[in-house]
Amino acid sequence: METCRGCGRTSTLAGNVLTFLRQAPGVVRANEVAEHFNIPTYQASVILCRLADRAMITRVRRGAYSADRELQRRALLDQLEKLTPA
């Protein structure tokens, strides 16, 4: 994913994918992004993975992502519970 060296903004395609996720209800898979933007699935996967690495979206499960803040919050709480001894 390309970013502007001056401002750090994401490339147009990555930004469009982020907008698509923010408008999509619930969870989106790489093949849905690929179909929507007419790009290869592997390219959609790379973009989604990099957006997740930058904490712009959440990886809900393998190959499934969301920009829903409430879903992100719940996923983070689930991860914290796994780290906390009972």
PDB file of N, CA and C in Angstrom:
ATOM      1  N   MET A   1       0.855  -1.168   0.000  1.00  0.00           N
ATOM      2  CA  MET A   1       0.000   0.000   0.000  1.00  0.00           C
ATOM      3  C   MET A   1       0.898   1.227   0.000  1.00  0.00           C
ATOM      4  N   GLU A   2       0.692   2.065  -0.955  1.00  0.00           N
ATOM      5  CA  GLU A   2       1.491   3.275  -1.069  1.00  0.00           C
ATOM      6  C   GLU A   2       0.940   4.350  -0.134  1.00  0.00           C
ATOM      7  N   THR A   3       1.861   5.101   0.452  1.00  0.00           N
ATOM      8  CA  THR A   3       1.468   6.240   1.273  1.00  0.00           C
ATOM      9  C   THR A   3       2.259   7.456   0.828  1.00  0.00           C
ATOM     10  N   CYS A   4       1.675   8.612   1.034  1.00  0.00           N
ATOM     11  CA  CYS A   4       2.338   9.869   0.723  1.00  0.00           C
ATOM     12  C   CYS A   4       3.443  10.097   1.754  1.00  0.00           C
ATOM     13  N   ARG A   5       4.639  10.361   1.295  1.00  0.00           N
ATOM     14  CA  ARG A   5       5.747  10.583   2.224  1.00  0.00           C
ATOM     15  C   ARG A   5       5.570  11.868   3.022  1.00  0.00           C
ATOM     16  N   GLY A   6       4.896  12.839   2.442  1.00  0.00           N
ATOM     17  CA  GLY A   6       4.706  14.114   3.121  1.00  0.00           C
ATOM     18  C   GLY A   6       3.658  14.079   4.223  1.00  0.00           C
ATOM     19  N   CYS A   7       2.492  13.479   3.917  1.00  0.00           N
ATOM     20  CA  CYS A   7       1.395  13.522   4.886  1.00  0.00           C
ATOM     21  C   CYS A   7       1.028  12.158   5.457  1.00  0.00           C
ATOM     22  N   GLY A   8       1.528  11.069   4.860  1.00  0.00           N
ATOM     23  CA  GLY A   8       1.238   9.737   5.374  1.00  0.00           C
ATOM     24  C   GLY A   8      -0.113   9.179   4.972  1.00  0.00           C
ATOM     25  N   ARG A   9      -0.828   9.875   4.103  1.00  0.00           N
ATOM     26  CA  ARG A   9      -2.142   9.391   3.668  1.00  0.00           C
ATOM     27  C   ARG A   9      -1.998   8.165   2.775  1.00  0.00           C
ATOM     28  N   THR A  10      -3.027   7.332   2.802  1.00  0.00           N
ATOM     29  CA  THR A  10      -2.996   6.112   2.005  1.00  0.00           C
ATOM     30  C   THR A  10      -3.248   6.414   0.538  1.00  0.00           C
ATOM     31  N   SER A  11      -2.863   5.462  -0.311  1.00  0.00           N
ATOM     32  CA  SER A  11      -3.090   5.614  -1.745  1.00  0.00           C
ATOM     33  C   SER A  11      -4.583   5.675  -2.034  1.00  0.00           C
ATOM     34  N   THR A  12      -4.921   6.075  -3.222  1.00  0.00           N
ATOM     35  CA  THR A  12      -6.325   6.210  -3.602  1.00  0.00           C
ATOM     36  C   THR A  12      -7.073   4.893  -3.476  1.00  0.00           C
ATOM     37  N   LEU A  13      -6.493   3.794  -3.965  1.00  0.00           N
ATOM     38  CA  LEU A  13      -7.182   2.506  -3.894  1.00  0.00           C
ATOM     39  C   LEU A  13      -7.382   2.075  -2.444  1.00  0.00           C
ATOM     40  N   ALA A  14      -6.340   2.182  -1.626  1.00  0.00           N
ATOM     41  CA  ALA A  14      -6.468   1.808  -0.219  1.00  0.00           C
ATOM     42  C   ALA A  14      -7.489   2.703   0.483  1.00  0.00           C
ATOM     43  N   GLY A  15      -7.483   3.975   0.157  1.00  0.00           N
ATOM     44  CA  GLY A  15      -8.476   4.891   0.728  1.00  0.00           C
ATOM     45  C   GLY A  15      -9.882   4.535   0.301  1.00  0.00           C
ATOM     46  N   ASN A  16     -10.029   4.139  -0.955  1.00  0.00           N
ATOM     47  CA  ASN A  16     -11.344   3.720  -1.444  1.00  0.00           C
ATOM     48  C   ASN A  16     -11.803   2.431  -0.770  1.00  0.00           C
ATOM     49  N   VAL A  17     -10.873   1.513  -0.536  1.00  0.00           N
ATOM     50  CA  VAL A  17     -11.214   0.273   0.169  1.00  0.00           C
ATOM     51  C   VAL A  17     -11.646   0.596   1.593  1.00  0.00           C
ATOM     52  N   LEU A  18     -10.941   1.501   2.241  1.00  0.00           N
ATOM     53  CA  LEU A  18     -11.307   1.907   3.598  1.00  0.00           C
ATOM     54  C   LEU A  18     -12.705   2.517   3.619  1.00  0.00           C
ATOM     55  N   THR A  19     -13.007   3.375   2.667  1.00  0.00           N
ATOM     56  CA  THR A  19     -14.347   3.965   2.565  1.00  0.00           C
ATOM     57  C   THR A  19     -15.396   2.885   2.340  1.00  0.00           C
ATOM     58  N   PHE A  20     -15.095   1.929   1.474  1.00  0.00           N
ATOM     59  CA  PHE A  20     -16.005   0.813   1.204  1.00  0.00           C
ATOM     60  C   PHE A  20     -16.297   0.040   2.487  1.00  0.00           C
ATOM     61  N   LEU A  21     -15.260  -0.244   3.273  1.00  0.00           N
ATOM     62  CA  LEU A  21     -15.460  -0.973   4.527  1.00  0.00           C
ATOM     63  C   LEU A  21     -16.284  -0.166   5.520  1.00  0.00           C
ATOM     64  N   ARG A  22     -16.039   1.120   5.579  1.00  0.00           N
ATOM     65  CA  ARG A  22     -16.794   1.963   6.519  1.00  0.00           C
ATOM     66  C   ARG A  22     -18.273   2.029   6.165  1.00  0.00           C
ATOM     67  N   GLN A  23     -18.590   1.880   4.889  1.00  0.00           N
ATOM     68  CA  GLN A  23     -19.985   1.938   4.449  1.00  0.00           C
ATOM     69  C   GLN A  23     -20.659   0.572   4.464  1.00  0.00           C
ATOM     70  N   ALA A  24     -19.866  -0.482   4.521  1.00  0.00           N
ATOM     71  CA  ALA A  24     -20.418  -1.840   4.484  1.00  0.00           C
ATOM     72  C   ALA A  24     -20.936  -2.232   5.866  1.00  0.00           C
ATOM     73  N   PRO A  25     -22.095  -2.873   5.895  1.00  0.00           N
ATOM     74  CA  PRO A  25     -22.596  -3.344   7.188  1.00  0.00           C
ATOM     75  C   PRO A  25     -21.855  -4.613   7.610  1.00  0.00           C
ATOM     76  N   GLY A  26     -21.311  -4.608   8.799  1.00  0.00           N
ATOM     77  CA  GLY A  26     -20.682  -5.814   9.326  1.00  0.00           C
ATOM     78  C   GLY A  26     -19.316  -6.114   8.752  1.00  0.00           C
ATOM     79  N   VAL A  27     -19.111  -7.385   8.426  1.00  0.00           N
ATOM     80  CA  VAL A  27     -17.804  -7.907   8.047  1.00  0.00           C
ATOM     81  C   VAL A  27     -17.684  -8.024   6.532  1.00  0.00           C
ATOM     82  N   VAL A  28     -16.497  -7.717   6.020  1.00  0.00           N
ATOM     83  CA  VAL A  28     -16.228  -7.789   4.583  1.00  0.00           C
ATOM     84  C   VAL A  28     -15.037  -8.717   4.362  1.00  0.00           C
ATOM     85  N   ARG A  29     -15.122  -9.544   3.344  1.00  0.00           N
ATOM     86  CA  ARG A  29     -14.046 -10.477   2.995  1.00  0.00           C
ATOM     87  C   ARG A  29     -13.277  -9.944   1.778  1.00  0.00           C
ATOM     88  N   ALA A  30     -12.064 -10.432   1.616  1.00  0.00           N
ATOM     89  CA  ALA A  30     -11.198  -9.971   0.528  1.00  0.00           C
ATOM     90  C   ALA A  30     -11.832 -10.182  -0.842  1.00  0.00           C
ATOM     91  N   ASN A  31     -12.537 -11.296  -1.024  1.00  0.00           N
ATOM     92  CA  ASN A  31     -13.142 -11.544  -2.336  1.00  0.00           C
ATOM     93  C   ASN A  31     -14.235 -10.530  -2.659  1.00  0.00           C
ATOM     94  N   GLU A  32     -14.920 -10.015  -1.640  1.00  0.00           N
ATOM     95  CA  GLU A  32     -15.932  -8.980  -1.868  1.00  0.00           C
ATOM     96  C   GLU A  32     -15.274  -7.674  -2.307  1.00  0.00           C
ATOM     97  N   VAL A  33     -14.164  -7.335  -1.658  1.00  0.00           N
ATOM     98  CA  VAL A  33     -13.415  -6.130  -2.028  1.00  0.00           C
ATOM     99  C   VAL A  33     -12.874  -6.284  -3.448  1.00  0.00           C
ATOM    100  N   ALA A  34     -12.322  -7.452  -3.750  1.00  0.00           N
ATOM    101  CA  ALA A  34     -11.770  -7.714  -5.082  1.00  0.00           C
ATOM    102  C   ALA A  34     -12.840  -7.575  -6.153  1.00  0.00           C
ATOM    103  N   GLU A  35     -13.996  -8.132  -5.890  1.00  0.00           N
ATOM    104  CA  GLU A  35     -15.093  -8.059  -6.860  1.00  0.00           C
ATOM    105  C   GLU A  35     -15.570  -6.621  -7.041  1.00  0.00           C
ATOM    106  N   HIS A  36     -15.710  -5.907  -5.932  1.00  0.00           N
ATOM    107  CA  HIS A  36     -16.208  -4.529  -5.980  1.00  0.00           C
ATOM    108  C   HIS A  36     -15.262  -3.614  -6.765  1.00  0.00           C
ATOM    109  N   PHE A  37     -13.957  -3.777  -6.563  1.00  0.00           N
ATOM    110  CA  PHE A  37     -12.974  -2.896  -7.197  1.00  0.00           C
ATOM    111  C   PHE A  37     -12.340  -3.496  -8.455  1.00  0.00           C
ATOM    112  N   ASN A  38     -12.780  -4.698  -8.818  1.00  0.00           N
ATOM    113  CA  ASN A  38     -12.268  -5.380 -10.008  1.00  0.00           C
ATOM    114  C   ASN A  38     -10.742  -5.514  -9.959  1.00  0.00           C
ATOM    115  N   ILE A  39     -10.259  -6.037  -8.822  1.00  0.00           N
ATOM    116  CA  ILE A  39      -8.832  -6.286  -8.621  1.00  0.00           C
ATOM    117  C   ILE A  39      -8.656  -7.749  -8.216  1.00  0.00           C
ATOM    118  N   PRO A  40      -7.442  -8.281  -8.327  1.00  0.00           N
ATOM    119  CA  PRO A  40      -7.209  -9.663  -7.882  1.00  0.00           C
ATOM    120  C   PRO A  40      -7.439  -9.808  -6.371  1.00  0.00           C
ATOM    121  N   THR A  41      -7.895 -10.973  -5.962  1.00  0.00           N
ATOM    122  CA  THR A  41      -8.171 -11.219  -4.543  1.00  0.00           C
ATOM    123  C   THR A  41      -6.920 -11.039  -3.690  1.00  0.00           C
ATOM    124  N   TYR A  42      -5.760 -11.481  -4.201  1.00  0.00           N
ATOM    125  CA  TYR A  42      -4.533 -11.331  -3.411  1.00  0.00           C
ATOM    126  C   TYR A  42      -4.225  -9.858  -3.163  1.00  0.00           C
ATOM    127  N   GLN A  43      -4.510  -8.984  -4.134  1.00  0.00           N
ATOM    128  CA  GLN A  43      -4.262  -7.551  -3.960  1.00  0.00           C
ATOM    129  C   GLN A  43      -5.207  -6.988  -2.903  1.00  0.00           C
ATOM    130  N   ALA A  44      -6.462  -7.411  -2.934  1.00  0.00           N
ATOM    131  CA  ALA A  44      -7.426  -6.979  -1.917  1.00  0.00           C
ATOM    132  C   ALA A  44      -6.978  -7.453  -0.537  1.00  0.00           C
ATOM    133  N   SER A  45      -6.474  -8.681  -0.457  1.00  0.00           N
ATOM    134  CA  SER A  45      -5.998  -9.222   0.822  1.00  0.00           C
ATOM    135  C   SER A  45      -4.838  -8.407   1.373  1.00  0.00           C
ATOM    136  N   VAL A  46      -3.917  -8.037   0.503  1.00  0.00           N
ATOM    137  CA  VAL A  46      -2.759  -7.243   0.931  1.00  0.00           C
ATOM    138  C   VAL A  46      -3.216  -5.883   1.448  1.00  0.00           C
ATOM    139  N   ILE A  47      -4.113  -5.242   0.740  1.00  0.00           N
ATOM    140  CA  ILE A  47      -4.614  -3.928   1.162  1.00  0.00           C
ATOM    141  C   ILE A  47      -5.310  -4.044   2.511  1.00  0.00           C
ATOM    142  N   LEU A  48      -6.176  -5.039   2.667  1.00  0.00           N
ATOM    143  CA  LEU A  48      -6.897  -5.225   3.929  1.00  0.00           C
ATOM    144  C   LEU A  48      -5.931  -5.508   5.077  1.00  0.00           C
ATOM    145  N   CYS A  49      -4.953  -6.340   4.827  1.00  0.00           N
ATOM    146  CA  CYS A  49      -3.969  -6.677   5.851  1.00  0.00           C
ATOM    147  C   CYS A  49      -3.182  -5.438   6.283  1.00  0.00           C
ATOM    148  N   ARG A  50      -2.787  -4.632   5.332  1.00  0.00           N
ATOM    149  CA  ARG A  50      -2.022  -3.422   5.661  1.00  0.00           C
ATOM    150  C   ARG A  50      -2.877  -2.387   6.383  1.00  0.00           C
ATOM    151  N   LEU A  51      -4.138  -2.272   6.005  1.00  0.00           N
ATOM    152  CA  LEU A  51      -5.039  -1.368   6.734  1.00  0.00           C
ATOM    153  C   LEU A  51      -5.213  -1.851   8.171  1.00  0.00           C
ATOM    154  N   ALA A  52      -5.306  -3.155   8.353  1.00  0.00           N
ATOM    155  CA  ALA A  52      -5.430  -3.719   9.703  1.00  0.00           C
ATOM    156  C   ALA A  52      -4.144  -3.499  10.501  1.00  0.00           C
ATOM    157  N   ASP A  53      -2.992  -3.657   9.861  1.00  0.00           N
ATOM    158  CA  ASP A  53      -1.709  -3.426  10.531  1.00  0.00           C
ATOM    159  C   ASP A  53      -1.584  -1.986  11.010  1.00  0.00           C
ATOM    160  N   ARG A  54      -2.203  -1.074  10.281  1.00  0.00           N
ATOM    161  CA  ARG A  54      -2.166   0.349  10.657  1.00  0.00           C
ATOM    162  C   ARG A  54      -3.315   0.718  11.589  1.00  0.00           C
ATOM    163  N   ALA A  55      -4.087  -0.286  12.044  1.00  0.00           N
ATOM    164  CA  ALA A  55      -5.217  -0.113  12.970  1.00  0.00           C
ATOM    165  C   ALA A  55      -6.318   0.772  12.395  1.00  0.00           C
ATOM    166  N   MET A  56      -6.454   0.769  11.080  1.00  0.00           N
ATOM    167  CA  MET A  56      -7.523   1.533  10.444  1.00  0.00           C
ATOM    168  C   MET A  56      -8.786   0.692  10.324  1.00  0.00           C
ATOM    169  N   ILE A  57      -8.611  -0.632  10.313  1.00  0.00           N
ATOM    170  CA  ILE A  57      -9.718  -1.583  10.318  1.00  0.00           C
ATOM    171  C   ILE A  57      -9.326  -2.716  11.259  1.00  0.00           C
ATOM    172  N   THR A  58     -10.277  -3.592  11.538  1.00  0.00           N
ATOM    173  CA  THR A  58     -10.015  -4.722  12.424  1.00  0.00           C
ATOM    174  C   THR A  58     -10.148  -6.029  11.673  1.00  0.00           C
ATOM    175  N   ARG A  59      -9.212  -6.917  11.915  1.00  0.00           N
ATOM    176  CA  ARG A  59      -9.323  -8.280  11.397  1.00  0.00           C
ATOM    177  C   ARG A  59     -10.178  -9.046  12.394  1.00  0.00           C
ATOM    178  N   VAL A  60     -11.391  -9.369  11.991  1.00  0.00           N
ATOM    179  CA  VAL A  60     -12.339 -10.039  12.876  1.00  0.00           C
ATOM    180  C   VAL A  60     -11.987 -11.517  13.004  1.00  0.00           C
ATOM    181  N   ARG A  61     -11.656 -12.124  11.904  1.00  0.00           N
ATOM    182  CA  ARG A  61     -11.187 -13.509  11.846  1.00  0.00           C
ATOM    183  C   ARG A  61     -10.411 -13.646  10.544  1.00  0.00           C
ATOM    184  N   ARG A  62      -9.863 -14.808  10.306  1.00  0.00           N
ATOM    185  CA  ARG A  62      -9.036 -14.997   9.112  1.00  0.00           C
ATOM    186  C   ARG A  62      -9.796 -14.599   7.846  1.00  0.00           C
ATOM    187  N   GLY A  63      -9.267 -13.601   7.155  1.00  0.00           N
ATOM    188  CA  GLY A  63      -9.853 -13.160   5.894  1.00  0.00           C
ATOM    189  C   GLY A  63     -11.085 -12.293   6.009  1.00  0.00           C
ATOM    190  N   ALA A  64     -11.473 -11.915   7.214  1.00  0.00           N
ATOM    191  CA  ALA A  64     -12.674 -11.101   7.413  1.00  0.00           C
ATOM    192  C   ALA A  64     -12.314  -9.838   8.188  1.00  0.00           C
ATOM    193  N   TYR A  65     -12.734  -8.704   7.653  1.00  0.00           N
ATOM    194  CA  TYR A  65     -12.350  -7.411   8.219  1.00  0.00           C
ATOM    195  C   TYR A  65     -13.564  -6.516   8.410  1.00  0.00           C
ATOM    196  N   SER A  66     -13.416  -5.543   9.310  1.00  0.00           N
ATOM    197  CA  SER A  66     -14.499  -4.600   9.554  1.00  0.00           C
ATOM    198  C   SER A  66     -13.928  -3.243   9.952  1.00  0.00           C
ATOM    199  N   ALA A  67     -14.655  -2.195   9.588  1.00  0.00           N
ATOM    200  CA  ALA A  67     -14.304  -0.845  10.026  1.00  0.00           C
ATOM    201  C   ALA A  67     -15.297  -0.371  11.082  1.00  0.00           C
ATOM    202  N   ASP A  68     -16.194  -1.259  11.506  1.00  0.00           N
ATOM    203  CA  ASP A  68     -17.195  -0.952  12.530  1.00  0.00           C
ATOM    204  C   ASP A  68     -16.493  -0.784  13.879  1.00  0.00           C
ATOM    205  N   ARG A  69     -16.555   0.404  14.446  1.00  0.00           N
ATOM    206  CA  ARG A  69     -15.845   0.697  15.697  1.00  0.00           C
ATOM    207  C   ARG A  69     -16.331  -0.178  16.856  1.00  0.00           C
ATOM    208  N   GLU A  70     -17.609  -0.448  16.937  1.00  0.00           N
ATOM    209  CA  GLU A  70     -18.132  -1.291  18.013  1.00  0.00           C
ATOM    210  C   GLU A  70     -17.599  -2.715  17.875  1.00  0.00           C
ATOM    211  N   LEU A  71     -17.562  -3.205  16.655  1.00  0.00           N
ATOM    212  CA  LEU A  71     -17.013  -4.537  16.401  1.00  0.00           C
ATOM    213  C   LEU A  71     -15.528  -4.562  16.749  1.00  0.00           C
ATOM    214  N   GLN A  72     -14.819  -3.490  16.441  1.00  0.00           N
ATOM    215  CA  GLN A  72     -13.403  -3.390  16.787  1.00  0.00           C
ATOM    216  C   GLN A  72     -13.223  -3.425  18.301  1.00  0.00           C
ATOM    217  N   ARG A  73     -14.077  -2.705  19.003  1.00  0.00           N
ATOM    218  CA  ARG A  73     -13.993  -2.661  20.465  1.00  0.00           C
ATOM    219  C   ARG A  73     -14.211  -4.045  21.055  1.00  0.00           C
ATOM    220  N   ARG A  74     -15.232  -4.747  20.567  1.00  0.00           N
ATOM    221  CA  ARG A  74     -15.519  -6.091  21.075  1.00  0.00           C
ATOM    222  C   ARG A  74     -14.390  -7.066  20.758  1.00  0.00           C
ATOM    223  N   ALA A  75     -13.816  -6.967  19.568  1.00  0.00           N
ATOM    224  CA  ALA A  75     -12.704  -7.845  19.194  1.00  0.00           C
ATOM    225  C   ALA A  75     -11.497  -7.594  20.097  1.00  0.00           C
ATOM    226  N   LEU A  76     -11.236  -6.334  20.415  1.00  0.00           N
ATOM    227  CA  LEU A  76     -10.130  -5.997  21.304  1.00  0.00           C
ATOM    228  C   LEU A  76     -10.379  -6.533  22.707  1.00  0.00           C
ATOM    229  N   LEU A  77     -11.598  -6.384  23.201  1.00  0.00           N
ATOM    230  CA  LEU A  77     -11.933  -6.915  24.523  1.00  0.00           C
ATOM    231  C   LEU A  77     -11.785  -8.435  24.561  1.00  0.00           C
ATOM    232  N   ASP A  78     -12.179  -9.110  23.499  1.00  0.00           N
ATOM    233  CA  ASP A  78     -12.014 -10.567  23.423  1.00  0.00           C
ATOM    234  C   ASP A  78     -10.538 -10.948  23.491  1.00  0.00           C
ATOM    235  N   GLN A  79      -9.700 -10.197  22.788  1.00  0.00           N
ATOM    236  CA  GLN A  79      -8.262 -10.474  22.814  1.00  0.00           C
ATOM    237  C   GLN A  79      -7.687 -10.233  24.204  1.00  0.00           C
ATOM    238  N   LEU A  80      -8.134  -9.170  24.867  1.00  0.00           N
ATOM    239  CA  LEU A  80      -7.653  -8.878  26.216  1.00  0.00           C
ATOM    240  C   LEU A  80      -8.074  -9.959  27.198  1.00  0.00           C
ATOM    241  N   GLU A  81      -9.282 -10.474  27.051  1.00  0.00           N
ATOM    242  CA  GLU A  81      -9.753 -11.546  27.929  1.00  0.00           C
ATOM    243  C   GLU A  81      -8.890 -12.792  27.780  1.00  0.00           C
ATOM    244  N   LYS A  82      -8.437 -13.071  26.569  1.00  0.00           N
ATOM    245  CA  LYS A  82      -7.579 -14.235  26.340  1.00  0.00           C
ATOM    246  C   LYS A  82      -6.223 -14.064  27.030  1.00  0.00           C
ATOM    247  N   LEU A  83      -5.773 -12.830  27.169  1.00  0.00           N
ATOM    248  CA  LEU A  83      -4.478 -12.562  27.793  1.00  0.00           C
ATOM    249  C   LEU A  83      -4.550 -12.507  29.311  1.00  0.00           C
ATOM    250  N   THR A  84      -5.744 -12.251  29.849  1.00  0.00           N
ATOM    251  CA  THR A  84      -5.919 -12.097  31.286  1.00  0.00           C
ATOM    252  C   THR A  84      -6.179 -13.453  31.929  1.00  0.00           C
ATOM    253  N   PRO A  85      -5.391 -13.825  32.943  1.00  0.00           N
ATOM    254  CA  PRO A  85      -5.644 -15.106  33.612  1.00  0.00           C
ATOM    255  C   PRO A  85      -6.976 -15.078  34.356  1.00  0.00           C
ATOM    256  N   ALA A  86      -7.647 -16.205  34.361  1.00  0.00           N
ATOM    257  CA  ALA A  86      -8.978 -16.295  34.988  1.00  0.00           C
ATOM    258  C   ALA A  86      -8.905 -16.319  36.486  1.00  0.00           C
TER     259      ALA A  86
END
